[in-house]
Amino acid sequence: MRYNIHCEQIYDDEVWNNLVRLLKKKGRKCYLFLMAPQITYVKSDLGYRGTKEELAAKLKERYNILARVQSKYKFKIGLHLHLSLHPHKLSEAEKDQSVKYVYNWINRFQWEQRQVTGISFGWFKYDNYIEELCDVNRLKIVNDEWGAITFHDYDLPLTTFKSFEKWLRVFLRKVKGQKPKR
């Protein structure tokens, strides 16, 4: 089983420690999708109460650690971006700017793989324009994959039941041929 992990609450010490434990055990099977500081999202959806500067500093600290241990634990890095629940309502300029922001922010770290080439969207929400933008920028959209479960860093540690639940969600979306809502 492979793990596609949306790292959204990596700034939280408990979440961070749980993620580090998973990487030590199963790093080779992990694909971490990292966010640039998205202060509006982390405040409204995750309850973060610091400033954007504090969030950026914590993410830099943790991402630098991940960059240093990537070759040891062999996990992959991808981009994670929450555009909107209704991405079709955003202008093309807003979409361009959002993808460029997360791409540049994450790629400034010294990842073993040199350049990040995968992206997973929050809520699995993107549209045709974003799909084309990713193709042009050689970013592979990685949402659901056979043989992998997708979950959030704050879901850790994974119990057997939680693992099955996450696997079942991926399986059902794949069987139904569900595409992201546009």
C-alpha atoms as a PDB file:
ATOM      1  CA  MET A   1       0.000   0.000   0.000  1.00  0.00           C
ATOM      2  CA  ARG A   2       1.236   3.486  -0.889  1.00  0.00           C
ATOM      3  CA  TYR A   3       0.269   6.636   0.980  1.00  0.00           C
ATOM      4  CA  ASN A   4      -0.656   9.961  -0.654  1.00  0.00           C
ATOM      5  CA  ILE A   5      -0.600  12.387   2.259  1.00  0.00           C
ATOM      6  CA  HIS A   6      -2.031  15.891   2.064  1.00  0.00           C
ATOM      7  CA  CYS A   7       0.180  17.765   4.545  1.00  0.00           C
ATOM      8  CA  GLU A   8      -2.016  20.563   5.798  1.00  0.00           C
ATOM      9  CA  GLN A   9      -1.377  20.713   9.527  1.00  0.00           C
ATOM     10  CA  ILE A  10       2.343  19.961   9.568  1.00  0.00           C
ATOM     11  CA  TYR A  11       2.865  23.103  11.660  1.00  0.00           C
ATOM     12  CA  ASP A  12       1.203  21.350  14.625  1.00  0.00           C
ATOM     13  CA  ASP A  13       3.738  19.500  16.798  1.00  0.00           C
ATOM     14  CA  GLU A  14       1.550  16.416  17.364  1.00  0.00           C
ATOM     15  CA  VAL A  15       0.733  16.098  13.665  1.00  0.00           C
ATOM     16  CA  TRP A  16       4.416  16.622  12.798  1.00  0.00           C
ATOM     17  CA  ASN A  17       5.548  13.917  15.250  1.00  0.00           C
ATOM     18  CA  ASN A  18       2.989  11.447  13.873  1.00  0.00           C
ATOM     19  CA  LEU A  19       4.157  12.175  10.318  1.00  0.00           C
ATOM     20  CA  VAL A  20       7.816  11.696  11.264  1.00  0.00           C
ATOM     21  CA  ARG A  21       6.976   8.322  12.868  1.00  0.00           C
ATOM     22  CA  LEU A  22       5.199   7.217   9.675  1.00  0.00           C
ATOM     23  CA  LEU A  23       8.133   8.317   7.506  1.00  0.00           C
ATOM     24  CA  LYS A  24      10.559   6.350   9.664  1.00  0.00           C
ATOM     25  CA  LYS A  25       8.446   3.200   9.241  1.00  0.00           C
ATOM     26  CA  LYS A  26       7.131   3.524   5.685  1.00  0.00           C
ATOM     27  CA  GLY A  27       8.920   6.471   4.069  1.00  0.00           C
ATOM     28  CA  ARG A  28       9.529   4.732   0.753  1.00  0.00           C
ATOM     29  CA  LYS A  29       5.772   4.274   0.346  1.00  0.00           C
ATOM     30  CA  CYS A  30       4.884   7.902   1.139  1.00  0.00           C
ATOM     31  CA  TYR A  31       4.108  10.731  -1.244  1.00  0.00           C
ATOM     32  CA  LEU A  32       3.867  13.988   0.721  1.00  0.00           C
ATOM     33  CA  PHE A  33       1.869  16.810  -0.849  1.00  0.00           C
ATOM     34  CA  LEU A  34       3.081  20.021   0.780  1.00  0.00           C
ATOM     35  CA  MET A  35       1.342  23.382   0.948  1.00  0.00           C
ATOM     36  CA  ALA A  36       2.819  26.835   0.738  1.00  0.00           C
ATOM     37  CA  PRO A  37       1.458  29.119   3.473  1.00  0.00           C
ATOM     38  CA  GLN A  38      -2.262  29.437   2.747  1.00  0.00           C
ATOM     39  CA  ILE A  39      -3.225  31.481   5.784  1.00  0.00           C
ATOM     40  CA  THR A  40      -6.897  31.968   4.923  1.00  0.00           C
ATOM     41  CA  TYR A  41      -7.407  28.231   4.495  1.00  0.00           C
ATOM     42  CA  VAL A  42      -5.522  27.127   7.630  1.00  0.00           C
ATOM     43  CA  LYS A  43      -7.287  29.735   9.763  1.00  0.00           C
ATOM     44  CA  SER A  44     -10.813  29.073   8.530  1.00  0.00           C
ATOM     45  CA  ASP A  45     -10.678  25.310   7.997  1.00  0.00           C
ATOM     46  CA  LEU A  46      -8.011  24.083  10.420  1.00  0.00           C
ATOM     47  CA  GLY A  47      -8.312  26.590  13.266  1.00  0.00           C
ATOM     48  CA  TYR A  48      -4.780  27.977  13.029  1.00  0.00           C
ATOM     49  CA  ARG A  49      -4.392  31.056  15.198  1.00  0.00           C
ATOM     50  CA  GLY A  50      -0.938  32.426  14.333  1.00  0.00           C
ATOM     51  CA  THR A  51       0.130  34.953  11.717  1.00  0.00           C
ATOM     52  CA  LYS A  52       1.110  34.220   8.117  1.00  0.00           C
ATOM     53  CA  GLU A  53       4.726  34.994   9.037  1.00  0.00           C
ATOM     54  CA  GLU A  54       4.652  32.490  11.919  1.00  0.00           C
ATOM     55  CA  LEU A  55       3.094  29.871   9.647  1.00  0.00           C
ATOM     56  CA  ALA A  56       5.704  30.479   6.933  1.00  0.00           C
ATOM     57  CA  ALA A  57       8.539  30.217   9.470  1.00  0.00           C
ATOM     58  CA  LYS A  58       7.211  26.923  10.873  1.00  0.00           C
ATOM     59  CA  LEU A  59       6.704  25.460   7.392  1.00  0.00           C
ATOM     60  CA  LYS A  60      10.228  26.509   6.337  1.00  0.00           C
ATOM     61  CA  GLU A  61      11.672  24.858   9.433  1.00  0.00           C
ATOM     62  CA  ARG A  62       9.776  21.605   8.879  1.00  0.00           C
ATOM     63  CA  TYR A  63      10.318  21.501   5.100  1.00  0.00           C
ATOM     64  CA  ASN A  64      14.066  22.012   5.575  1.00  0.00           C
ATOM     65  CA  ILE A  65      14.084  19.013   7.921  1.00  0.00           C
ATOM     66  CA  LEU A  66      12.139  16.956   5.362  1.00  0.00           C
ATOM     67  CA  ALA A  67      14.587  17.979   2.623  1.00  0.00           C
ATOM     68  CA  ARG A  68      17.520  16.819   4.778  1.00  0.00           C
ATOM     69  CA  VAL A  69      16.001  13.384   5.517  1.00  0.00           C
ATOM     70  CA  GLN A  70      14.402  12.708   2.128  1.00  0.00           C
ATOM     71  CA  SER A  71      17.315  10.625   0.839  1.00  0.00           C
ATOM     72  CA  LYS A  72      17.319   8.565   4.047  1.00  0.00           C
ATOM     73  CA  TYR A  73      13.588   7.741   4.063  1.00  0.00           C
ATOM     74  CA  LYS A  74      12.999   7.851   0.275  1.00  0.00           C
ATOM     75  CA  PHE A  75       9.597   9.605   0.296  1.00  0.00           C
ATOM     76  CA  LYS A  76       8.385  11.702  -2.632  1.00  0.00           C
ATOM     77  CA  ILE A  77       7.336  15.343  -2.524  1.00  0.00           C
ATOM     78  CA  GLY A  78       4.436  16.946  -4.382  1.00  0.00           C
ATOM     79  CA  LEU A  79       2.496  20.202  -4.274  1.00  0.00           C
ATOM     80  CA  HIS A  80      -0.790  20.644  -2.448  1.00  0.00           C
ATOM     81  CA  LEU A  81      -3.093  23.535  -3.217  1.00  0.00           C
ATOM     82  CA  HIS A  82      -6.567  24.536  -2.105  1.00  0.00           C
ATOM     83  CA  LEU A  83      -7.892  26.720  -4.907  1.00  0.00           C
ATOM     84  CA  SER A  84     -11.600  26.919  -4.216  1.00  0.00           C
ATOM     85  CA  LEU A  85     -14.612  24.690  -3.788  1.00  0.00           C
ATOM     86  CA  HIS A  86     -15.679  26.272  -7.091  1.00  0.00           C
ATOM     87  CA  PRO A  87     -12.478  26.692  -9.132  1.00  0.00           C
ATOM     88  CA  HIS A  88     -14.426  27.590 -12.271  1.00  0.00           C
ATOM     89  CA  LYS A  89     -15.382  30.871 -10.560  1.00  0.00           C
ATOM     90  CA  LEU A  90     -11.744  31.986 -10.286  1.00  0.00           C
ATOM     91  CA  SER A  91     -10.134  33.976 -13.067  1.00  0.00           C
ATOM     92  CA  GLU A  92      -7.370  32.394 -15.123  1.00  0.00           C
ATOM     93  CA  ALA A  93      -4.951  34.941 -13.633  1.00  0.00           C
ATOM     94  CA  GLU A  94      -5.883  33.840 -10.086  1.00  0.00           C
ATOM     95  CA  LYS A  95      -5.350  30.205 -11.019  1.00  0.00           C
ATOM     96  CA  ASP A  96      -2.010  30.967 -12.697  1.00  0.00           C
ATOM     97  CA  GLN A  97      -0.858  32.951  -9.679  1.00  0.00           C
ATOM     98  CA  SER A  98      -1.939  30.247  -7.181  1.00  0.00           C
ATOM     99  CA  VAL A  99      -0.160  27.411  -8.984  1.00  0.00           C
ATOM    100  CA  LYS A 100       2.958  29.542  -9.528  1.00  0.00           C
ATOM    101  CA  TYR A 101       2.994  30.577  -5.839  1.00  0.00           C
ATOM    102  CA  VAL A 102       2.887  27.024  -4.444  1.00  0.00           C
ATOM    103  CA  TYR A 103       5.287  25.737  -7.128  1.00  0.00           C
ATOM    104  CA  ASN A 104       7.913  28.403  -6.403  1.00  0.00           C
ATOM    105  CA  TRP A 105       7.471  28.201  -2.627  1.00  0.00           C
ATOM    106  CA  ILE A 106       7.937  24.422  -2.430  1.00  0.00           C
ATOM    107  CA  ASN A 107      10.713  24.197  -5.041  1.00  0.00           C
ATOM    108  CA  ARG A 108      12.980  26.565  -3.130  1.00  0.00           C
ATOM    109  CA  PHE A 109      13.857  23.761  -0.724  1.00  0.00           C
ATOM    110  CA  GLN A 110      16.703  21.348  -1.506  1.00  0.00           C
ATOM    111  CA  TRP A 111      14.623  18.270  -2.366  1.00  0.00           C
ATOM    112  CA  GLU A 112      16.449  15.150  -3.441  1.00  0.00           C
ATOM    113  CA  GLN A 113      14.325  14.938  -6.593  1.00  0.00           C
ATOM    114  CA  ARG A 114      15.454  18.497  -7.559  1.00  0.00           C
ATOM    115  CA  GLN A 115      12.086  19.651  -8.866  1.00  0.00           C
ATOM    116  CA  VAL A 116       8.603  18.734  -7.724  1.00  0.00           C
ATOM    117  CA  THR A 117       6.473  17.287 -10.531  1.00  0.00           C
ATOM    118  CA  GLY A 118       3.241  16.118  -8.836  1.00  0.00           C
ATOM    119  CA  ILE A 119       0.295  18.118  -7.523  1.00  0.00           C
ATOM    120  CA  SER A 120      -2.836  17.194  -5.606  1.00  0.00           C
ATOM    121  CA  PHE A 121      -5.670  19.644  -5.134  1.00  0.00           C
ATOM    122  CA  GLY A 122      -7.552  20.189  -1.916  1.00  0.00           C
ATOM    123  CA  TRP A 123     -11.063  18.798  -2.018  1.00  0.00           C
ATOM    124  CA  PHE A 124      -9.938  17.237  -5.360  1.00  0.00           C
ATOM    125  CA  LYS A 125     -11.242  20.436  -6.972  1.00  0.00           C
ATOM    126  CA  TYR A 126      -9.787  21.737 -10.205  1.00  0.00           C
ATOM    127  CA  ASP A 127     -11.106  22.550 -13.642  1.00  0.00           C
ATOM    128  CA  ASN A 128     -10.104  22.166 -17.297  1.00  0.00           C
ATOM    129  CA  TYR A 129      -7.988  25.308 -17.247  1.00  0.00           C
ATOM    130  CA  ILE A 130      -6.022  24.040 -14.235  1.00  0.00           C
ATOM    131  CA  GLU A 131      -5.594  20.685 -15.967  1.00  0.00           C
ATOM    132  CA  GLU A 132      -4.112  22.437 -19.014  1.00  0.00           C
ATOM    133  CA  LEU A 133      -1.953  24.676 -16.804  1.00  0.00           C
ATOM    134  CA  CYS A 134      -0.552  21.610 -15.052  1.00  0.00           C
ATOM    135  CA  ASP A 135       0.141  19.893 -18.393  1.00  0.00           C
ATOM    136  CA  VAL A 136       2.013  22.942 -19.712  1.00  0.00           C
ATOM    137  CA  ASN A 137       4.079  23.105 -16.506  1.00  0.00           C
ATOM    138  CA  ARG A 138       4.715  19.341 -16.487  1.00  0.00           C
ATOM    139  CA  LEU A 139       2.828  18.828 -13.235  1.00  0.00           C
ATOM    140  CA  LYS A 140       1.073  15.499 -12.933  1.00  0.00           C
ATOM    141  CA  ILE A 141      -2.228  15.716 -11.064  1.00  0.00           C
ATOM    142  CA  VAL A 142      -2.144  12.979  -8.441  1.00  0.00           C
ATOM    143  CA  ASN A 143      -5.413  12.445  -6.654  1.00  0.00           C
ATOM    144  CA  ASP A 144      -6.642   8.890  -6.455  1.00  0.00           C
ATOM    145  CA  GLU A 145      -4.384   6.047  -7.560  1.00  0.00           C
ATOM    146  CA  TRP A 146      -4.854   2.304  -7.533  1.00  0.00           C
ATOM    147  CA  GLY A 147      -2.811   0.767  -4.748  1.00  0.00           C
ATOM    148  CA  ALA A 148      -2.665   3.992  -2.750  1.00  0.00           C
ATOM    149  CA  ILE A 149      -4.739   5.597  -0.064  1.00  0.00           C
ATOM    150  CA  THR A 150      -5.116   9.349   0.207  1.00  0.00           C
ATOM    151  CA  PHE A 151      -5.440  11.005   3.596  1.00  0.00           C
ATOM    152  CA  HIS A 152      -4.411  14.081   5.571  1.00  0.00           C
ATOM    153  CA  ASP A 153      -1.470  14.403   7.927  1.00  0.00           C
ATOM    154  CA  TYR A 154      -3.919  15.134  10.748  1.00  0.00           C
ATOM    155  CA  ASP A 155      -5.475  11.664  10.243  1.00  0.00           C
ATOM    156  CA  LEU A 156      -2.301  10.112  11.661  1.00  0.00           C
ATOM    157  CA  PRO A 157      -1.722   7.765  13.290  1.00  0.00           C
ATOM    158  CA  LEU A 158      -3.690   5.478  11.009  1.00  0.00           C
ATOM    159  CA  THR A 159      -5.633   2.698  12.631  1.00  0.00           C
ATOM    160  CA  THR A 160      -6.564  -0.377  10.620  1.00  0.00           C
ATOM    161  CA  PHE A 161     -10.126   0.908  10.415  1.00  0.00           C
ATOM    162  CA  LYS A 162      -9.035   4.388   9.233  1.00  0.00           C
ATOM    163  CA  SER A 163      -6.745   2.825   6.618  1.00  0.00           C
ATOM    164  CA  PHE A 164      -9.588   0.680   5.318  1.00  0.00           C
ATOM    165  CA  GLU A 165     -11.953   3.659   5.270  1.00  0.00           C
ATOM    166  CA  LYS A 166      -9.469   5.769   3.261  1.00  0.00           C
ATOM    167  CA  TRP A 167      -8.759   2.875   0.878  1.00  0.00           C
ATOM    168  CA  LEU A 168     -12.493   2.287   0.381  1.00  0.00           C
ATOM    169  CA  ARG A 169     -13.098   5.949  -0.516  1.00  0.00           C
ATOM    170  CA  VAL A 170     -10.387   5.833  -3.173  1.00  0.00           C
ATOM    171  CA  PHE A 171     -11.691   2.502  -4.464  1.00  0.00           C
ATOM    172  CA  LEU A 172     -15.277   3.762  -4.755  1.00  0.00           C
ATOM    173  CA  ARG A 173     -14.240   6.962  -6.539  1.00  0.00           C
ATOM    174  CA  LYS A 174     -12.121   4.935  -8.982  1.00  0.00           C
ATOM    175  CA  VAL A 175     -14.837   2.332  -9.604  1.00  0.00           C
ATOM    176  CA  LYS A 176     -17.435   5.021 -10.203  1.00  0.00           C
ATOM    177  CA  GLY A 177     -15.008   6.798 -12.522  1.00  0.00           C
ATOM    178  CA  GLN A 178     -15.684   9.946 -10.547  1.00  0.00           C
ATOM    179  CA  LYS A 179     -13.961  12.994 -11.919  1.00  0.00           C
ATOM    180  CA  PRO A 180     -13.501  16.142  -9.880  1.00  0.00           C
ATOM    181  CA  LYS A 181     -16.598  18.343  -9.892  1.00  0.00           C
ATOM    182  CA  ARG A 182     -16.065  21.237 -12.230  1.00  0.00           C
END
